[in-house]
Amino acid sequence: MPSRAFTLAKDVKLLVLDVDGVLTDGGLYYGDEGLVMKRFHVQDGLGIKLAQAVGLEIGVITGLNQKPVEARVTELGIKHYVAGKHDKGPLFEEMCAKVGVKPCEAAFMGDDWIDLGAMKQAGLAMSVPNAMPEIIEVADWVSKRSGGHGAVREAIGFILDARGLKEEALKLWTD
């Protein structure tokens, strides 16, 4: 019998991601000049491209507004991006409406209190194992990998598998 999360994932048409702690390890790296650097995992990037190739929309909502994130989002072709905003619940709703899906047809992956509003509205609430306890408590699904270490790729694989799209995605990249 499929898990509750697997059943919920079958309807997901949009995956919205937090950045710090989900797409990155949550660390803020400062250079001598005050320049902020971020570390992204290449497997997460390929997972995003796989998802896009089979029609799963990807969005990003982040509380910080930083150039490295904007550069990564642009590089990955993510069209739905909101930066520098902390009230993620209403932003998640707006993003769903813009994409043309109901919140119950969307997933949100977060790791900290700022993500609770969006996670509670999402049809599938996803998280990472090193998230705050309150986040783990509301999550329908928790990755085995930590944020910034392939957790997003794992989440995408889970959704694609539930939707029956994993083989199609694999074929696009191996044929």
C-alpha atoms as a PDB file:
ATOM      1  CA  MET A   1       0.000   0.000   0.000  1.00  0.00           C
ATOM      2  CA  PRO A   2       1.448   3.403  -0.988  1.00  0.00           C
ATOM      3  CA  SER A   3       2.261   5.868   1.781  1.00  0.00           C
ATOM      4  CA  ARG A   4       0.053   8.912   2.361  1.00  0.00           C
ATOM      5  CA  ALA A   5       2.831  11.147   0.982  1.00  0.00           C
ATOM      6  CA  PHE A   6       3.136   9.023  -2.174  1.00  0.00           C
ATOM      7  CA  THR A   7      -0.626   9.318  -2.734  1.00  0.00           C
ATOM      8  CA  LEU A   8      -0.469  13.112  -2.248  1.00  0.00           C
ATOM      9  CA  ALA A   9       2.501  13.370  -4.631  1.00  0.00           C
ATOM     10  CA  LYS A  10       0.463  11.875  -7.477  1.00  0.00           C
ATOM     11  CA  ASP A  11      -1.389  15.198  -7.838  1.00  0.00           C
ATOM     12  CA  VAL A  12       1.639  17.532  -7.626  1.00  0.00           C
ATOM     13  CA  LYS A  13       2.070  19.775 -10.657  1.00  0.00           C
ATOM     14  CA  LEU A  14       4.186  22.476  -8.990  1.00  0.00           C
ATOM     15  CA  LEU A  15       7.083  22.111  -6.550  1.00  0.00           C
ATOM     16  CA  VAL A  16       8.027  25.281  -4.677  1.00  0.00           C
ATOM     17  CA  LEU A  17      11.366  25.360  -2.891  1.00  0.00           C
ATOM     18  CA  ASP A  18      12.915  27.370  -0.104  1.00  0.00           C
ATOM     19  CA  VAL A  19      16.582  28.182  -0.687  1.00  0.00           C
ATOM     20  CA  ASP A  20      18.658  28.346   2.496  1.00  0.00           C
ATOM     21  CA  GLY A  21      18.588  24.939   4.148  1.00  0.00           C
ATOM     22  CA  VAL A  22      16.851  23.253   1.179  1.00  0.00           C
ATOM     23  CA  LEU A  23      18.643  24.190  -2.059  1.00  0.00           C
ATOM     24  CA  THR A  24      21.750  25.075  -0.017  1.00  0.00           C
ATOM     25  CA  ASP A  25      23.205  23.745   3.209  1.00  0.00           C
ATOM     26  CA  GLY A  26      22.007  26.910   4.934  1.00  0.00           C
ATOM     27  CA  GLY A  27      25.499  28.318   5.367  1.00  0.00           C
ATOM     28  CA  LEU A  28      26.267  31.910   4.472  1.00  0.00           C
ATOM     29  CA  TYR A  29      29.823  32.238   3.192  1.00  0.00           C
ATOM     30  CA  TYR A  30      31.271  35.770   3.362  1.00  0.00           C
ATOM     31  CA  GLY A  31      34.394  36.821   1.483  1.00  0.00           C
ATOM     32  CA  ASP A  32      36.777  39.562   2.634  1.00  0.00           C
ATOM     33  CA  GLU A  33      34.828  42.163   0.681  1.00  0.00           C
ATOM     34  CA  GLY A  34      31.511  41.112   2.261  1.00  0.00           C
ATOM     35  CA  LEU A  35      30.508  39.162  -0.833  1.00  0.00           C
ATOM     36  CA  VAL A  36      28.038  36.389  -0.011  1.00  0.00           C
ATOM     37  CA  MET A  37      28.615  33.031  -1.663  1.00  0.00           C
ATOM     38  CA  LYS A  38      26.306  30.006  -1.715  1.00  0.00           C
ATOM     39  CA  ARG A  39      26.938  26.351  -2.413  1.00  0.00           C
ATOM     40  CA  PHE A  40      24.409  24.501  -4.560  1.00  0.00           C
ATOM     41  CA  HIS A  41      24.441  20.779  -5.306  1.00  0.00           C
ATOM     42  CA  VAL A  42      24.707  19.822  -8.973  1.00  0.00           C
ATOM     43  CA  GLN A  43      22.356  16.843  -8.498  1.00  0.00           C
ATOM     44  CA  ASP A  44      19.604  19.202  -7.344  1.00  0.00           C
ATOM     45  CA  GLY A  45      20.122  21.254 -10.498  1.00  0.00           C
ATOM     46  CA  LEU A  46      19.843  18.227 -12.759  1.00  0.00           C
ATOM     47  CA  GLY A  47      16.759  17.111 -10.829  1.00  0.00           C
ATOM     48  CA  ILE A  48      15.149  20.476 -11.513  1.00  0.00           C
ATOM     49  CA  LYS A  49      15.952  20.163 -15.219  1.00  0.00           C
ATOM     50  CA  LEU A  50      14.499  16.610 -15.237  1.00  0.00           C
ATOM     51  CA  ALA A  51      11.311  17.861 -13.574  1.00  0.00           C
ATOM     52  CA  GLN A  52      10.943  20.707 -16.047  1.00  0.00           C
ATOM     53  CA  ALA A  53      11.506  18.348 -18.985  1.00  0.00           C
ATOM     54  CA  VAL A  54       8.487  16.231 -18.012  1.00  0.00           C
ATOM     55  CA  GLY A  55       6.219  19.182 -17.178  1.00  0.00           C
ATOM     56  CA  LEU A  56       6.602  19.585 -13.411  1.00  0.00           C
ATOM     57  CA  GLU A  57       6.702  23.318 -12.705  1.00  0.00           C
ATOM     58  CA  ILE A  58       9.352  24.557 -10.252  1.00  0.00           C
ATOM     59  CA  GLY A  59       9.171  27.686  -8.124  1.00  0.00           C
ATOM     60  CA  VAL A  60      11.407  29.298  -5.518  1.00  0.00           C
ATOM     61  CA  ILE A  61      10.413  31.527  -2.612  1.00  0.00           C
ATOM     62  CA  THR A  62      13.255  32.783  -0.423  1.00  0.00           C
ATOM     63  CA  GLY A  63      13.407  35.181   2.489  1.00  0.00           C
ATOM     64  CA  LEU A  64      16.762  36.592   1.412  1.00  0.00           C
ATOM     65  CA  ASN A  65      17.446  38.512  -1.785  1.00  0.00           C
ATOM     66  CA  GLN A  66      20.935  37.542  -2.921  1.00  0.00           C
ATOM     67  CA  LYS A  67      22.651  37.587  -6.305  1.00  0.00           C
ATOM     68  CA  PRO A  68      24.044  34.018  -6.125  1.00  0.00           C
ATOM     69  CA  VAL A  69      20.503  32.668  -5.720  1.00  0.00           C
ATOM     70  CA  GLU A  70      19.184  34.788  -8.564  1.00  0.00           C
ATOM     71  CA  ALA A  71      22.045  33.554 -10.760  1.00  0.00           C
ATOM     72  CA  ARG A  72      21.307  29.883  -9.940  1.00  0.00           C
ATOM     73  CA  VAL A  73      17.559  30.299 -10.493  1.00  0.00           C
ATOM     74  CA  THR A  74      18.220  31.971 -13.848  1.00  0.00           C
ATOM     75  CA  GLU A  75      20.756  29.309 -14.848  1.00  0.00           C
ATOM     76  CA  LEU A  76      18.199  26.572 -14.126  1.00  0.00           C
ATOM     77  CA  GLY A  77      15.431  28.327 -16.062  1.00  0.00           C
ATOM     78  CA  ILE A  78      13.122  28.618 -13.045  1.00  0.00           C
ATOM     79  CA  LYS A  79      10.409  31.069 -14.094  1.00  0.00           C
ATOM     80  CA  HIS A  80       8.597  31.373 -10.779  1.00  0.00           C
ATOM     81  CA  TYR A  81      10.887  33.180  -8.336  1.00  0.00           C
ATOM     82  CA  VAL A  82      10.203  35.450  -5.353  1.00  0.00           C
ATOM     83  CA  ALA A  83      13.080  36.789  -3.254  1.00  0.00           C
ATOM     84  CA  GLY A  84      13.362  38.925  -0.137  1.00  0.00           C
ATOM     85  CA  LYS A  85       9.898  38.107   1.207  1.00  0.00           C
ATOM     86  CA  HIS A  86       9.140  36.430   4.528  1.00  0.00           C
ATOM     87  CA  ASP A  87       5.381  35.837   4.433  1.00  0.00           C
ATOM     88  CA  LYS A  88       5.562  32.720   2.282  1.00  0.00           C
ATOM     89  CA  GLY A  89       1.966  31.527   2.750  1.00  0.00           C
ATOM     90  CA  PRO A  90       0.323  34.234   0.601  1.00  0.00           C
ATOM     91  CA  LEU A  91       3.254  34.139  -1.852  1.00  0.00           C
ATOM     92  CA  PHE A  92       2.785  30.383  -2.281  1.00  0.00           C
ATOM     93  CA  GLU A  93      -0.920  30.946  -3.002  1.00  0.00           C
ATOM     94  CA  GLU A  94      -0.096  33.671  -5.539  1.00  0.00           C
ATOM     95  CA  MET A  95       2.473  31.446  -7.244  1.00  0.00           C
ATOM     96  CA  CYS A  96      -0.032  28.595  -7.493  1.00  0.00           C
ATOM     97  CA  ALA A  97      -2.592  30.942  -9.056  1.00  0.00           C
ATOM     98  CA  LYS A  98       0.003  32.285 -11.504  1.00  0.00           C
ATOM     99  CA  VAL A  99       0.933  28.747 -12.573  1.00  0.00           C
ATOM    100  CA  GLY A 100      -2.740  27.745 -12.762  1.00  0.00           C
ATOM    101  CA  VAL A 101      -2.779  25.063 -10.072  1.00  0.00           C
ATOM    102  CA  LYS A 102      -4.647  24.755  -6.795  1.00  0.00           C
ATOM    103  CA  PRO A 103      -2.497  24.715  -3.626  1.00  0.00           C
ATOM    104  CA  CYS A 104      -3.566  21.073  -3.153  1.00  0.00           C
ATOM    105  CA  GLU A 105      -1.806  20.329  -6.477  1.00  0.00           C
ATOM    106  CA  ALA A 106       1.453  21.847  -5.267  1.00  0.00           C
ATOM    107  CA  ALA A 107       4.247  20.823  -2.932  1.00  0.00           C
ATOM    108  CA  PHE A 108       6.381  23.095  -0.794  1.00  0.00           C
ATOM    109  CA  MET A 109       9.776  22.072   0.560  1.00  0.00           C
ATOM    110  CA  GLY A 110      11.081  24.014   3.540  1.00  0.00           C
ATOM    111  CA  ASP A 111      13.218  23.707   6.648  1.00  0.00           C
ATOM    112  CA  ASP A 112      12.464  26.551   9.059  1.00  0.00           C
ATOM    113  CA  TRP A 113       9.622  28.457  10.693  1.00  0.00           C
ATOM    114  CA  ILE A 114       9.432  30.961   7.825  1.00  0.00           C
ATOM    115  CA  ASP A 115       8.207  28.091   5.621  1.00  0.00           C
ATOM    116  CA  LEU A 116       5.313  26.944   7.838  1.00  0.00           C
ATOM    117  CA  GLY A 117       2.614  29.077   6.192  1.00  0.00           C
ATOM    118  CA  ALA A 118       3.331  27.712   2.738  1.00  0.00           C
ATOM    119  CA  MET A 119       3.814  24.141   3.957  1.00  0.00           C
ATOM    120  CA  LYS A 120       0.440  24.151   5.717  1.00  0.00           C
ATOM    121  CA  GLN A 121      -1.291  25.247   2.488  1.00  0.00           C
ATOM    122  CA  ALA A 122       0.499  22.815   0.196  1.00  0.00           C
ATOM    123  CA  GLY A 123      -1.057  19.569  -0.909  1.00  0.00           C
ATOM    124  CA  LEU A 124       2.288  17.941  -0.090  1.00  0.00           C
ATOM    125  CA  ALA A 125       4.544  19.417   2.609  1.00  0.00           C
ATOM    126  CA  MET A 126       8.159  18.325   2.181  1.00  0.00           C
ATOM    127  CA  SER A 127      11.247  18.876   4.292  1.00  0.00           C
ATOM    128  CA  VAL A 128      14.838  17.882   5.019  1.00  0.00           C
ATOM    129  CA  PRO A 129      16.030  15.821   8.008  1.00  0.00           C
ATOM    130  CA  ASN A 130      17.947  18.724   9.554  1.00  0.00           C
ATOM    131  CA  ALA A 131      14.878  21.016   9.596  1.00  0.00           C
ATOM    132  CA  MET A 132      13.461  22.580  12.736  1.00  0.00           C
ATOM    133  CA  PRO A 133      11.289  20.152  14.759  1.00  0.00           C
ATOM    134  CA  GLU A 134       8.127  22.163  14.044  1.00  0.00           C
ATOM    135  CA  ILE A 135       8.754  21.727  10.323  1.00  0.00           C
ATOM    136  CA  ILE A 136       9.351  17.995  10.570  1.00  0.00           C
ATOM    137  CA  GLU A 137       6.088  17.752  12.504  1.00  0.00           C
ATOM    138  CA  VAL A 138       3.992  19.229   9.655  1.00  0.00           C
ATOM    139  CA  ALA A 139       5.922  17.562   6.818  1.00  0.00           C
ATOM    140  CA  ASP A 140       4.198  14.763   4.928  1.00  0.00           C
ATOM    141  CA  TRP A 141       7.580  13.642   3.554  1.00  0.00           C
ATOM    142  CA  VAL A 142      11.166  14.143   4.734  1.00  0.00           C
ATOM    143  CA  SER A 143      14.192  13.478   2.530  1.00  0.00           C
ATOM    144  CA  LYS A 144      17.051  11.262   3.638  1.00  0.00           C
ATOM    145  CA  ARG A 145      19.568  13.815   2.357  1.00  0.00           C
ATOM    146  CA  SER A 146      20.172  17.166   4.035  1.00  0.00           C
ATOM    147  CA  GLY A 147      19.539  20.508   2.404  1.00  0.00           C
ATOM    148  CA  GLY A 148      22.189  21.419  -0.138  1.00  0.00           C
ATOM    149  CA  HIS A 149      23.266  17.781  -0.443  1.00  0.00           C
ATOM    150  CA  GLY A 150      20.794  16.390  -2.981  1.00  0.00           C
ATOM    151  CA  ALA A 151      17.569  16.681  -0.951  1.00  0.00           C
ATOM    152  CA  VAL A 152      15.778  18.505  -3.781  1.00  0.00           C
ATOM    153  CA  ARG A 153      16.794  15.823  -6.286  1.00  0.00           C
ATOM    154  CA  GLU A 154      15.436  13.191  -3.896  1.00  0.00           C
ATOM    155  CA  ALA A 155      12.145  15.099  -3.538  1.00  0.00           C
ATOM    156  CA  ILE A 156      11.802  15.467  -7.294  1.00  0.00           C
ATOM    157  CA  GLY A 157      12.491  11.762  -7.758  1.00  0.00           C
ATOM    158  CA  PHE A 158       9.768  10.984  -5.224  1.00  0.00           C
ATOM    159  CA  ILE A 159       7.207  13.182  -7.017  1.00  0.00           C
ATOM    160  CA  LEU A 160       8.132  11.902 -10.478  1.00  0.00           C
ATOM    161  CA  ASP A 161       7.897   8.321  -9.250  1.00  0.00           C
ATOM    162  CA  ALA A 162       4.448   8.940  -7.726  1.00  0.00           C
ATOM    163  CA  ARG A 163       3.265  10.582 -10.943  1.00  0.00           C
ATOM    164  CA  GLY A 164       4.638   7.770 -13.102  1.00  0.00           C
ATOM    165  CA  LEU A 165       7.095  10.137 -14.817  1.00  0.00           C
ATOM    166  CA  LYS A 166      10.420   8.862 -13.501  1.00  0.00           C
ATOM    167  CA  GLU A 167      11.110   6.521 -16.424  1.00  0.00           C
ATOM    168  CA  GLU A 168      10.178   9.233 -18.941  1.00  0.00           C
ATOM    169  CA  ALA A 169      12.582  11.664 -17.253  1.00  0.00           C
ATOM    170  CA  LEU A 170      15.336   9.061 -17.185  1.00  0.00           C
ATOM    171  CA  LYS A 171      14.802   8.274 -20.859  1.00  0.00           C
ATOM    172  CA  LEU A 172      15.093  11.963 -21.820  1.00  0.00           C
ATOM    173  CA  TRP A 173      18.586  12.087 -20.313  1.00  0.00           C
ATOM    174  CA  THR A 174      19.883   8.667 -21.314  1.00  0.00           C
ATOM    175  CA  ASP A 175      18.687   8.176 -24.892  1.00  0.00           C
END
